[in-house]
Amino acid sequence: MPAAMHRARPALGTLVQIRVEGLHEADALRAIDAAFAEVAVVHRLMSFHEAGSDLARIHGVASGSAVAVDARTFQVLQVAQDVAAASQGVFDITIAARLVAWGKLPRPASPFTPEACASWRDIELVDGACVRLRRPLWLDLGGIAKGYAVDRAIDILRASGATQACINAGGDLRIFGARVEPVYVRIDHPYVGQEHIDHRCTHQPLVELVNAAVASSARDSHDDEAHMPGPHVHGVTGAGAGGAASVSVIADRCVIADALTKVVLAGDDAITRATLATFAARACMHDPVSGWTIMDRAA
């Protein structure tokens, strides 16, 4: 049996780590290179910061104009719309204007200022290939694009013949293969969680995964100390979300798990549980006072 191959590279604003098993060295290296290349493509397409990204082109035209986008961008927008509908707008990728106002994102090169009443309902997905905005607004795909990149990379490793694989992109982790793998969440600060795999740990894992994903998210401790809003926004109220909690969501895909962390952080219990049930997902929330709480379905 060929040895496991490990590689790591900076990407998606974090360190992306890939482990692949079941392939001979040359094949494993080719598969890993192809996976990293796909991660780079997803970043280039969906980055809020890249001048030539699909998001930049959407932001650069007047509302009502149809913009052709890559099929991968279209898929992520479809997921975003599905989660927004299921969560009654708690998850909403049109919160970018608020993040710009808070200094979390730079103002895009856009000829308009978003309307305050704009929401996910003003995004029109056309013919499987184009996006049209009914009102002026800015989109932030952020974490879900990162989760999607992980999913795409796993697909490449699977197609290359790997028998077991793991990709960890700083908060978004997905495992492929028949073997059960424990995932631990390290709480370095009351507000910050980071999942990792460490077979040497002696404490109980958060979860054991087979062909599944886990995404973690939390409020940045520096924002809290400065009494500033964190990077998560309640899509309906426009207020900062998260408080002191760290959240991990387990789902079949990283793009779903990452999106649902924002719903859980928003704190509406009934909507959270209903949304988790819609996507057959479950969540683990860590509070520095009460510890871990498991959420998976309507109470």
C-alpha atoms as a PDB file:
ATOM      1  CA  MET A   1       0.000   0.000   0.000  1.00  0.00           C
ATOM      2  CA  PRO A   2       1.506   3.367  -1.005  1.00  0.00           C
ATOM      3  CA  ALA A   3       2.271   5.729   1.854  1.00  0.00           C
ATOM      4  CA  ALA A   4       0.063   8.735   2.523  1.00  0.00           C
ATOM      5  CA  MET A   5       1.216  11.913   0.780  1.00  0.00           C
ATOM      6  CA  HIS A   6       0.927  15.275   2.586  1.00  0.00           C
ATOM      7  CA  ARG A   7       1.282  18.729   1.032  1.00  0.00           C
ATOM      8  CA  ALA A   8       0.361  22.257   2.179  1.00  0.00           C
ATOM      9  CA  ARG A   9       0.258  25.614   0.391  1.00  0.00           C
ATOM     10  CA  PRO A  10      -1.013  29.091   1.228  1.00  0.00           C
ATOM     11  CA  ALA A  11      -4.318  29.673  -0.558  1.00  0.00           C
ATOM     12  CA  LEU A  12      -7.797  31.085   0.076  1.00  0.00           C
ATOM     13  CA  GLY A  13      -6.368  33.412   2.710  1.00  0.00           C
ATOM     14  CA  THR A  14      -5.201  30.495   4.836  1.00  0.00           C
ATOM     15  CA  LEU A  15      -2.978  27.392   4.729  1.00  0.00           C
ATOM     16  CA  VAL A  16      -4.581  24.616   2.697  1.00  0.00           C
ATOM     17  CA  GLN A  17      -3.424  21.136   3.714  1.00  0.00           C
ATOM     18  CA  ILE A  18      -4.011  18.060   1.558  1.00  0.00           C
ATOM     19  CA  ARG A  19      -3.476  14.422   2.488  1.00  0.00           C
ATOM     20  CA  VAL A  20      -4.034  11.683  -0.093  1.00  0.00           C
ATOM     21  CA  GLU A  21      -3.775   7.916   0.269  1.00  0.00           C
ATOM     22  CA  GLY A  22      -3.912   4.920  -2.076  1.00  0.00           C
ATOM     23  CA  LEU A  23      -1.841   6.398  -4.902  1.00  0.00           C
ATOM     24  CA  HIS A  24       1.786   5.856  -5.859  1.00  0.00           C
ATOM     25  CA  GLU A  25       3.978   8.903  -5.306  1.00  0.00           C
ATOM     26  CA  ALA A  26       3.972  10.290  -8.855  1.00  0.00           C
ATOM     27  CA  ASP A  27       0.205   9.863  -9.187  1.00  0.00           C
ATOM     28  CA  ALA A  28      -0.386  11.353  -5.747  1.00  0.00           C
ATOM     29  CA  LEU A  29       1.692  14.414  -6.572  1.00  0.00           C
ATOM     30  CA  ARG A  30      -0.176  14.943  -9.841  1.00  0.00           C
ATOM     31  CA  ALA A  31      -3.508  14.637  -8.059  1.00  0.00           C
ATOM     32  CA  ILE A  32      -2.462  17.057  -5.337  1.00  0.00           C
ATOM     33  CA  ASP A  33      -1.181  19.579  -7.909  1.00  0.00           C
ATOM     34  CA  ALA A  34      -4.482  19.345  -9.790  1.00  0.00           C
ATOM     35  CA  ALA A  35      -6.419  19.849  -6.553  1.00  0.00           C
ATOM     36  CA  PHE A  36      -4.407  22.941  -5.638  1.00  0.00           C
ATOM     37  CA  ALA A  37      -4.876  24.270  -9.183  1.00  0.00           C
ATOM     38  CA  GLU A  38      -8.653  23.948  -8.827  1.00  0.00           C
ATOM     39  CA  VAL A  39      -8.546  25.738  -5.473  1.00  0.00           C
ATOM     40  CA  ALA A  40      -6.699  28.601  -7.193  1.00  0.00           C
ATOM     41  CA  VAL A  41      -9.317  28.778  -9.954  1.00  0.00           C
ATOM     42  CA  VAL A  42     -12.180  28.965  -7.467  1.00  0.00           C
ATOM     43  CA  HIS A  43     -10.388  31.751  -5.606  1.00  0.00           C
ATOM     44  CA  ARG A  44      -9.781  33.684  -8.810  1.00  0.00           C
ATOM     45  CA  LEU A  45     -13.425  33.371  -9.876  1.00  0.00           C
ATOM     46  CA  MET A  46     -15.105  34.272  -6.592  1.00  0.00           C
ATOM     47  CA  SER A  47     -12.719  36.598  -4.781  1.00  0.00           C
ATOM     48  CA  PHE A  48     -14.170  39.888  -3.531  1.00  0.00           C
ATOM     49  CA  HIS A  49     -10.701  41.409  -3.912  1.00  0.00           C
ATOM     50  CA  GLU A  50      -9.592  40.212  -7.377  1.00  0.00           C
ATOM     51  CA  ALA A  51     -10.250  42.790 -10.096  1.00  0.00           C
ATOM     52  CA  GLY A  52     -11.023  40.155 -12.730  1.00  0.00           C
ATOM     53  CA  SER A  53     -13.232  37.872 -10.644  1.00  0.00           C
ATOM     54  CA  ASP A  54     -16.822  37.073 -11.497  1.00  0.00           C
ATOM     55  CA  LEU A  55     -17.881  39.056  -8.420  1.00  0.00           C
ATOM     56  CA  ALA A  56     -15.932  42.102  -9.609  1.00  0.00           C
ATOM     57  CA  ARG A  57     -17.665  41.920 -12.998  1.00  0.00           C
ATOM     58  CA  ILE A  58     -21.086  41.660 -11.332  1.00  0.00           C
ATOM     59  CA  HIS A  59     -20.268  44.657  -9.132  1.00  0.00           C
ATOM     60  CA  GLY A  60     -19.074  46.614 -12.153  1.00  0.00           C
ATOM     61  CA  VAL A  61     -22.360  46.787 -14.064  1.00  0.00           C
ATOM     62  CA  ALA A  62     -25.681  48.454 -13.393  1.00  0.00           C
ATOM     63  CA  SER A  63     -28.491  46.458 -11.834  1.00  0.00           C
ATOM     64  CA  GLY A  64     -30.695  44.825 -14.431  1.00  0.00           C
ATOM     65  CA  SER A  65     -27.732  43.802 -16.608  1.00  0.00           C
ATOM     66  CA  ALA A  66     -27.119  40.059 -17.051  1.00  0.00           C
ATOM     67  CA  VAL A  67     -23.526  38.997 -16.383  1.00  0.00           C
ATOM     68  CA  ALA A  68     -22.222  35.658 -17.663  1.00  0.00           C
ATOM     69  CA  VAL A  69     -20.322  33.774 -14.959  1.00  0.00           C
ATOM     70  CA  ASP A  70     -18.363  30.560 -14.729  1.00  0.00           C
ATOM     71  CA  ALA A  71     -20.409  27.428 -14.025  1.00  0.00           C
ATOM     72  CA  ARG A  72     -18.630  27.070 -10.675  1.00  0.00           C
ATOM     73  CA  THR A  73     -19.629  30.566  -9.590  1.00  0.00           C
ATOM     74  CA  PHE A  74     -23.191  29.844 -10.657  1.00  0.00           C
ATOM     75  CA  GLN A  75     -23.234  26.669  -8.536  1.00  0.00           C
ATOM     76  CA  VAL A  76     -22.065  28.553  -5.443  1.00  0.00           C
ATOM     77  CA  LEU A  77     -24.690  31.238  -6.007  1.00  0.00           C
ATOM     78  CA  GLN A  78     -27.335  28.512  -6.246  1.00  0.00           C
ATOM     79  CA  VAL A  79     -26.195  27.065  -2.907  1.00  0.00           C
ATOM     80  CA  ALA A  80     -26.255  30.549  -1.375  1.00  0.00           C
ATOM     81  CA  GLN A  81     -29.812  31.101  -2.577  1.00  0.00           C
ATOM     82  CA  ASP A  82     -30.917  27.688  -1.281  1.00  0.00           C
ATOM     83  CA  VAL A  83     -29.480  28.361   2.191  1.00  0.00           C
ATOM     84  CA  ALA A  84     -30.930  31.887   2.214  1.00  0.00           C
ATOM     85  CA  ALA A  85     -34.395  30.540   1.402  1.00  0.00           C
ATOM     86  CA  ALA A  86     -34.171  27.749   3.976  1.00  0.00           C
ATOM     87  CA  SER A  87     -32.971  30.136   6.687  1.00  0.00           C
ATOM     88  CA  GLN A  88     -35.574  32.803   5.874  1.00  0.00           C
ATOM     89  CA  GLY A  89     -32.819  35.228   4.899  1.00  0.00           C
ATOM     90  CA  VAL A  90     -30.650  34.800   8.005  1.00  0.00           C
ATOM     91  CA  PHE A  91     -27.906  33.702   5.614  1.00  0.00           C
ATOM     92  CA  ASP A  92     -27.567  36.345   2.910  1.00  0.00           C
ATOM     93  CA  ILE A  93     -24.563  36.949   0.647  1.00  0.00           C
ATOM     94  CA  THR A  94     -25.721  40.534  -0.034  1.00  0.00           C
ATOM     95  CA  ILE A  95     -24.368  41.679   3.350  1.00  0.00           C
ATOM     96  CA  ALA A  96     -21.117  42.839   1.679  1.00  0.00           C
ATOM     97  CA  ALA A  97     -22.098  46.515   1.887  1.00  0.00           C
ATOM     98  CA  ARG A  98     -22.303  46.273   5.660  1.00  0.00           C
ATOM     99  CA  LEU A  99     -18.910  44.563   5.822  1.00  0.00           C
ATOM    100  CA  VAL A 100     -17.485  47.376   3.687  1.00  0.00           C
ATOM    101  CA  ALA A 101     -18.995  49.952   6.053  1.00  0.00           C
ATOM    102  CA  TRP A 102     -17.423  48.139   9.020  1.00  0.00           C
ATOM    103  CA  GLY A 103     -14.014  48.067   7.334  1.00  0.00           C
ATOM    104  CA  LYS A 104     -14.032  44.274   6.942  1.00  0.00           C
ATOM    105  CA  LEU A 105     -13.952  44.473   3.147  1.00  0.00           C
ATOM    106  CA  PRO A 106     -12.611  47.140   0.773  1.00  0.00           C
ATOM    107  CA  ARG A 107     -15.070  49.107  -1.335  1.00  0.00           C
ATOM    108  CA  PRO A 108     -15.263  47.359  -4.719  1.00  0.00           C
ATOM    109  CA  ALA A 109     -14.759  49.162  -8.012  1.00  0.00           C
ATOM    110  CA  SER A 110     -18.471  49.701  -8.526  1.00  0.00           C
ATOM    111  CA  PRO A 111     -20.427  52.531 -10.185  1.00  0.00           C
ATOM    112  CA  PHE A 112     -23.215  52.333  -7.585  1.00  0.00           C
ATOM    113  CA  THR A 113     -23.889  52.173  -3.866  1.00  0.00           C
ATOM    114  CA  PRO A 114     -26.061  49.270  -2.719  1.00  0.00           C
ATOM    115  CA  GLU A 115     -29.625  49.956  -1.660  1.00  0.00           C
ATOM    116  CA  ALA A 116     -30.208  49.359   2.034  1.00  0.00           C
ATOM    117  CA  CYS A 117     -33.275  47.220   1.323  1.00  0.00           C
ATOM    118  CA  ALA A 118     -31.481  44.920  -1.154  1.00  0.00           C
ATOM    119  CA  SER A 119     -31.373  41.244  -0.203  1.00  0.00           C
ATOM    120  CA  TRP A 120     -30.825  37.752  -1.579  1.00  0.00           C
ATOM    121  CA  ARG A 121     -34.241  37.966  -3.220  1.00  0.00           C
ATOM    122  CA  ASP A 122     -32.796  40.568  -5.599  1.00  0.00           C
ATOM    123  CA  ILE A 123     -30.340  38.057  -7.109  1.00  0.00           C
ATOM    124  CA  GLU A 124     -31.682  36.467 -10.276  1.00  0.00           C
ATOM    125  CA  LEU A 125     -29.951  33.354 -11.644  1.00  0.00           C
ATOM    126  CA  VAL A 126     -30.600  33.149 -15.383  1.00  0.00           C
ATOM    127  CA  ASP A 127     -30.431  30.114 -17.693  1.00  0.00           C
ATOM    128  CA  GLY A 128     -27.757  28.338 -15.647  1.00  0.00           C
ATOM    129  CA  ALA A 129     -25.097  30.772 -16.787  1.00  0.00           C
ATOM    130  CA  CYS A 130     -25.866  34.408 -15.928  1.00  0.00           C
ATOM    131  CA  VAL A 131     -26.556  36.597 -12.909  1.00  0.00           C
ATOM    132  CA  ARG A 132     -28.802  39.643 -12.849  1.00  0.00           C
ATOM    133  CA  LEU A 133     -29.268  41.976  -9.881  1.00  0.00           C
ATOM    134  CA  ARG A 134     -32.704  43.530  -9.496  1.00  0.00           C
ATOM    135  CA  ARG A 135     -31.348  46.231  -7.163  1.00  0.00           C
ATOM    136  CA  PRO A 136     -27.867  47.678  -6.650  1.00  0.00           C
ATOM    137  CA  LEU A 137     -26.050  45.391  -4.196  1.00  0.00           C
ATOM    138  CA  TRP A 138     -22.660  43.813  -3.488  1.00  0.00           C
ATOM    139  CA  LEU A 139     -22.060  40.104  -2.989  1.00  0.00           C
ATOM    140  CA  ASP A 140     -19.637  38.397  -0.634  1.00  0.00           C
ATOM    141  CA  LEU A 141     -19.142  34.675  -1.218  1.00  0.00           C
ATOM    142  CA  GLY A 142     -16.327  34.535   1.341  1.00  0.00           C
ATOM    143  CA  GLY A 143     -16.444  31.323   3.341  1.00  0.00           C
ATOM    144  CA  ILE A 144     -18.791  29.390   1.082  1.00  0.00           C
ATOM    145  CA  ALA A 145     -16.407  29.856  -1.846  1.00  0.00           C
ATOM    146  CA  LYS A 146     -13.662  28.428   0.366  1.00  0.00           C
ATOM    147  CA  GLY A 147     -15.886  25.485   1.263  1.00  0.00           C
ATOM    148  CA  TYR A 148     -16.722  24.942  -2.398  1.00  0.00           C
ATOM    149  CA  ALA A 149     -13.021  24.991  -3.291  1.00  0.00           C
ATOM    150  CA  VAL A 150     -12.432  22.206  -0.764  1.00  0.00           C
ATOM    151  CA  ASP A 151     -15.293  20.196  -2.275  1.00  0.00           C
ATOM    152  CA  ARG A 152     -13.931  20.630  -5.793  1.00  0.00           C
ATOM    153  CA  ALA A 153     -10.456  19.573  -4.680  1.00  0.00           C
ATOM    154  CA  ILE A 154     -11.860  16.444  -3.011  1.00  0.00           C
ATOM    155  CA  ASP A 155     -13.678  15.592  -6.257  1.00  0.00           C
ATOM    156  CA  ILE A 156     -10.370  15.777  -8.119  1.00  0.00           C
ATOM    157  CA  LEU A 157      -8.592  13.528  -5.623  1.00  0.00           C
ATOM    158  CA  ARG A 158     -11.422  10.995  -5.806  1.00  0.00           C
ATOM    159  CA  ALA A 159     -11.374  11.023  -9.620  1.00  0.00           C
ATOM    160  CA  SER A 160      -7.610  10.472  -9.520  1.00  0.00           C
ATOM    161  CA  GLY A 161      -8.119   7.144  -7.756  1.00  0.00           C
ATOM    162  CA  ALA A 162      -7.360   8.087  -4.154  1.00  0.00           C
ATOM    163  CA  THR A 163      -8.840   5.706  -1.576  1.00  0.00           C
ATOM    164  CA  GLN A 164      -8.714   8.167   1.337  1.00  0.00           C
ATOM    165  CA  ALA A 165      -8.168  11.916   1.380  1.00  0.00           C
ATOM    166  CA  CYS A 166      -8.470  14.911   3.649  1.00  0.00           C
ATOM    167  CA  ILE A 167      -8.376  18.631   2.885  1.00  0.00           C
ATOM    168  CA  ASN A 168      -8.198  21.233   5.653  1.00  0.00           C
ATOM    169  CA  ALA A 169      -8.513  24.875   4.649  1.00  0.00           C
ATOM    170  CA  GLY A 170      -8.328  26.761   7.916  1.00  0.00           C
ATOM    171  CA  GLY A 171     -11.837  26.218   9.202  1.00  0.00           C
ATOM    172  CA  ASP A 172     -13.238  24.072   6.379  1.00  0.00           C
ATOM    173  CA  LEU A 173     -12.324  20.376   6.458  1.00  0.00           C
ATOM    174  CA  ARG A 174     -13.570  17.490   4.342  1.00  0.00           C
ATOM    175  CA  ILE A 175     -12.747  13.796   4.435  1.00  0.00           C
ATOM    176  CA  PHE A 176     -13.200  11.274   1.641  1.00  0.00           C
ATOM    177  CA  GLY A 177     -12.843   7.510   2.037  1.00  0.00           C
ATOM    178  CA  ALA A 178     -14.212   4.501   3.896  1.00  0.00           C
ATOM    179  CA  ARG A 179     -12.097   4.918   7.015  1.00  0.00           C
ATOM    180  CA  VAL A 180     -13.545   6.739  10.015  1.00  0.00           C
ATOM    181  CA  GLU A 181     -11.395   9.724  11.046  1.00  0.00           C
ATOM    182  CA  PRO A 182     -11.739  11.675  14.301  1.00  0.00           C
ATOM    183  CA  VAL A 183     -11.884  15.452  14.076  1.00  0.00           C
ATOM    184  CA  TYR A 184     -10.917  17.566  17.075  1.00  0.00           C
ATOM    185  CA  VAL A 185     -11.716  21.227  17.565  1.00  0.00           C
ATOM    186  CA  ARG A 186      -9.013  23.145  19.374  1.00  0.00           C
ATOM    187  CA  ILE A 187     -10.307  26.165  21.283  1.00  0.00           C
ATOM    188  CA  ASP A 188      -7.272  28.458  21.414  1.00  0.00           C
ATOM    189  CA  HIS A 189      -9.331  31.411  22.634  1.00  0.00           C
ATOM    190  CA  PRO A 190     -12.891  31.533  23.967  1.00  0.00           C
ATOM    191  CA  TYR A 191     -13.971  32.925  20.607  1.00  0.00           C
ATOM    192  CA  VAL A 192     -11.829  31.002  18.161  1.00  0.00           C
ATOM    193  CA  GLY A 193     -12.095  27.354  17.116  1.00  0.00           C
ATOM    194  CA  GLN A 194      -9.964  25.434  14.631  1.00  0.00           C
ATOM    195  CA  GLU A 195     -10.649  21.891  13.547  1.00  0.00           C
ATOM    196  CA  HIS A 196      -7.821  19.475  12.928  1.00  0.00           C
ATOM    197  CA  ILE A 197      -7.058  15.791  12.809  1.00  0.00           C
ATOM    198  CA  ASP A 198      -4.628  14.559  15.449  1.00  0.00           C
ATOM    199  CA  HIS A 199      -4.534  10.877  16.269  1.00  0.00           C
ATOM    200  CA  ARG A 200      -2.212  11.608  19.202  1.00  0.00           C
ATOM    201  CA  CYS A 201      -4.824  13.596  21.135  1.00  0.00           C
ATOM    202  CA  THR A 202      -6.151  11.895  24.256  1.00  0.00           C
ATOM    203  CA  HIS A 203      -9.374  13.899  24.666  1.00  0.00           C
ATOM    204  CA  GLN A 204     -12.616  12.980  22.925  1.00  0.00           C
ATOM    205  CA  PRO A 205     -13.049  14.128  19.305  1.00  0.00           C
ATOM    206  CA  LEU A 206     -15.801  16.551  18.355  1.00  0.00           C
ATOM    207  CA  VAL A 207     -16.956  14.127  15.666  1.00  0.00           C
ATOM    208  CA  GLU A 208     -15.868  11.086  13.677  1.00  0.00           C
ATOM    209  CA  LEU A 209     -16.308  11.561   9.948  1.00  0.00           C
ATOM    210  CA  VAL A 210     -16.724   9.247   6.972  1.00  0.00           C
ATOM    211  CA  ASN A 211     -17.200  10.976   3.629  1.00  0.00           C
ATOM    212  CA  ALA A 212     -18.323  14.207   5.240  1.00  0.00           C
ATOM    213  CA  ALA A 213     -17.273  17.767   6.018  1.00  0.00           C
ATOM    214  CA  VAL A 214     -17.023  20.025   9.039  1.00  0.00           C
ATOM    215  CA  ALA A 215     -16.715  23.808   9.033  1.00  0.00           C
ATOM    216  CA  SER A 216     -15.956  25.991  12.033  1.00  0.00           C
ATOM    217  CA  SER A 217     -16.516  29.683  12.537  1.00  0.00           C
ATOM    218  CA  ALA A 218     -16.338  32.158  15.385  1.00  0.00           C
ATOM    219  CA  ARG A 219     -16.260  35.814  16.211  1.00  0.00           C
ATOM    220  CA  ASP A 220     -12.775  37.295  16.095  1.00  0.00           C
ATOM    221  CA  SER A 221     -11.550  38.004  19.625  1.00  0.00           C
ATOM    222  CA  HIS A 222      -9.916  41.284  18.532  1.00  0.00           C
ATOM    223  CA  ASP A 223     -13.274  42.581  17.304  1.00  0.00           C
ATOM    224  CA  ASP A 224     -14.882  41.763  20.621  1.00  0.00           C
ATOM    225  CA  GLU A 225     -12.145  43.433  22.630  1.00  0.00           C
ATOM    226  CA  ALA A 226     -12.490  46.572  20.513  1.00  0.00           C
ATOM    227  CA  HIS A 227     -16.314  46.454  20.765  1.00  0.00           C
ATOM    228  CA  MET A 228     -16.452  46.169  16.987  1.00  0.00           C
ATOM    229  CA  PRO A 229     -18.832  43.970  14.974  1.00  0.00           C
ATOM    230  CA  GLY A 230     -17.368  40.653  13.886  1.00  0.00           C
ATOM    231  CA  PRO A 231     -17.234  39.324  10.316  1.00  0.00           C
ATOM    232  CA  HIS A 232     -20.633  37.595  10.551  1.00  0.00           C
ATOM    233  CA  VAL A 233     -23.850  39.429   9.790  1.00  0.00           C
ATOM    234  CA  HIS A 234     -27.470  38.476  10.446  1.00  0.00           C
ATOM    235  CA  GLY A 235     -29.001  38.723   6.976  1.00  0.00           C
ATOM    236  CA  VAL A 236     -32.366  40.019   8.208  1.00  0.00           C
ATOM    237  CA  THR A 237     -31.438  42.446  10.987  1.00  0.00           C
ATOM    238  CA  GLY A 238     -28.066  43.522   9.587  1.00  0.00           C
ATOM    239  CA  ALA A 239     -26.528  43.212  13.057  1.00  0.00           C
ATOM    240  CA  GLY A 240     -23.282  41.469  13.877  1.00  0.00           C
ATOM    241  CA  ALA A 241     -23.751  37.790  14.755  1.00  0.00           C
ATOM    242  CA  GLY A 242     -21.852  35.322  16.856  1.00  0.00           C
ATOM    243  CA  GLY A 243     -21.338  36.741  20.325  1.00  0.00           C
ATOM    244  CA  ALA A 244     -18.806  34.650  22.214  1.00  0.00           C
ATOM    245  CA  ALA A 245     -19.674  31.393  20.499  1.00  0.00           C
ATOM    246  CA  SER A 246     -17.576  29.081  18.346  1.00  0.00           C
ATOM    247  CA  VAL A 247     -19.586  26.895  15.975  1.00  0.00           C
ATOM    248  CA  SER A 248     -18.820  23.731  14.030  1.00  0.00           C
ATOM    249  CA  VAL A 249     -21.283  22.321  11.477  1.00  0.00           C
ATOM    250  CA  ILE A 250     -21.122  18.801  10.053  1.00  0.00           C
ATOM    251  CA  ALA A 251     -22.647  18.252   6.606  1.00  0.00           C
ATOM    252  CA  ASP A 252     -22.055  16.232   3.459  1.00  0.00           C
ATOM    253  CA  ARG A 253     -20.245  19.103   1.721  1.00  0.00           C
ATOM    254  CA  CYS A 254     -18.002  21.914   2.917  1.00  0.00           C
ATOM    255  CA  VAL A 255     -19.905  24.570   0.996  1.00  0.00           C
ATOM    256  CA  ILE A 256     -23.058  23.674   2.948  1.00  0.00           C
ATOM    257  CA  ALA A 257     -21.269  23.302   6.290  1.00  0.00           C
ATOM    258  CA  ASP A 258     -19.607  26.700   5.945  1.00  0.00           C
ATOM    259  CA  ALA A 259     -22.834  28.470   4.998  1.00  0.00           C
ATOM    260  CA  LEU A 260     -24.696  26.923   7.919  1.00  0.00           C
ATOM    261  CA  THR A 261     -22.154  28.134  10.467  1.00  0.00           C
ATOM    262  CA  LYS A 262     -23.437  31.657   9.772  1.00  0.00           C
ATOM    263  CA  VAL A 263     -27.023  30.558  10.395  1.00  0.00           C
ATOM    264  CA  VAL A 264     -26.093  28.956  13.711  1.00  0.00           C
ATOM    265  CA  LEU A 265     -24.099  32.008  14.807  1.00  0.00           C
ATOM    266  CA  ALA A 266     -27.112  34.239  14.139  1.00  0.00           C
ATOM    267  CA  GLY A 267     -28.730  32.640  17.158  1.00  0.00           C
ATOM    268  CA  ASP A 268     -32.380  32.038  16.161  1.00  0.00           C
ATOM    269  CA  ASP A 269     -32.917  28.539  17.558  1.00  0.00           C
ATOM    270  CA  ALA A 270     -36.057  27.567  15.614  1.00  0.00           C
ATOM    271  CA  ILE A 271     -34.733  28.787  12.255  1.00  0.00           C
ATOM    272  CA  THR A 272     -31.327  27.220  12.922  1.00  0.00           C
ATOM    273  CA  ARG A 273     -32.736  23.789  13.708  1.00  0.00           C
ATOM    274  CA  ALA A 274     -35.111  23.865  10.734  1.00  0.00           C
ATOM    275  CA  THR A 275     -32.307  24.893   8.379  1.00  0.00           C
ATOM    276  CA  LEU A 276     -29.971  22.212   9.711  1.00  0.00           C
ATOM    277  CA  ALA A 277     -32.712  19.635   9.153  1.00  0.00           C
ATOM    278  CA  THR A 278     -33.247  20.831   5.577  1.00  0.00           C
ATOM    279  CA  PHE A 279     -29.638  20.009   4.755  1.00  0.00           C
ATOM    280  CA  ALA A 280     -29.353  16.920   7.006  1.00  0.00           C
ATOM    281  CA  ALA A 281     -26.649  18.736   8.979  1.00  0.00           C
ATOM    282  CA  ARG A 282     -25.860  19.081  12.669  1.00  0.00           C
ATOM    283  CA  ALA A 283     -24.062  21.727  14.655  1.00  0.00           C
ATOM    284  CA  CYS A 284     -21.890  21.898  17.749  1.00  0.00           C
ATOM    285  CA  MET A 285     -21.738  25.267  19.494  1.00  0.00           C
ATOM    286  CA  HIS A 286     -19.109  26.069  22.106  1.00  0.00           C
ATOM    287  CA  ASP A 287     -19.751  28.820  24.625  1.00  0.00           C
ATOM    288  CA  PRO A 288     -16.996  29.727  27.097  1.00  0.00           C
ATOM    289  CA  VAL A 289     -19.505  29.540  29.964  1.00  0.00           C
ATOM    290  CA  SER A 290     -21.771  26.597  29.140  1.00  0.00           C
ATOM    291  CA  GLY A 291     -19.425  24.515  26.967  1.00  0.00           C
ATOM    292  CA  TRP A 292     -20.694  22.437  24.027  1.00  0.00           C
ATOM    293  CA  THR A 293     -24.300  22.307  22.790  1.00  0.00           C
ATOM    294  CA  ILE A 294     -25.396  19.922  20.028  1.00  0.00           C
ATOM    295  CA  MET A 295     -28.053  21.049  17.528  1.00  0.00           C
ATOM    296  CA  ASP A 296     -29.418  18.933  14.722  1.00  0.00           C
ATOM    297  CA  ARG A 297     -33.211  19.150  14.375  1.00  0.00           C
ATOM    298  CA  ALA A 298     -36.295  20.915  15.656  1.00  0.00           C
ATOM    299  CA  ALA A 299     -36.578  20.642  19.415  1.00  0.00           C
END
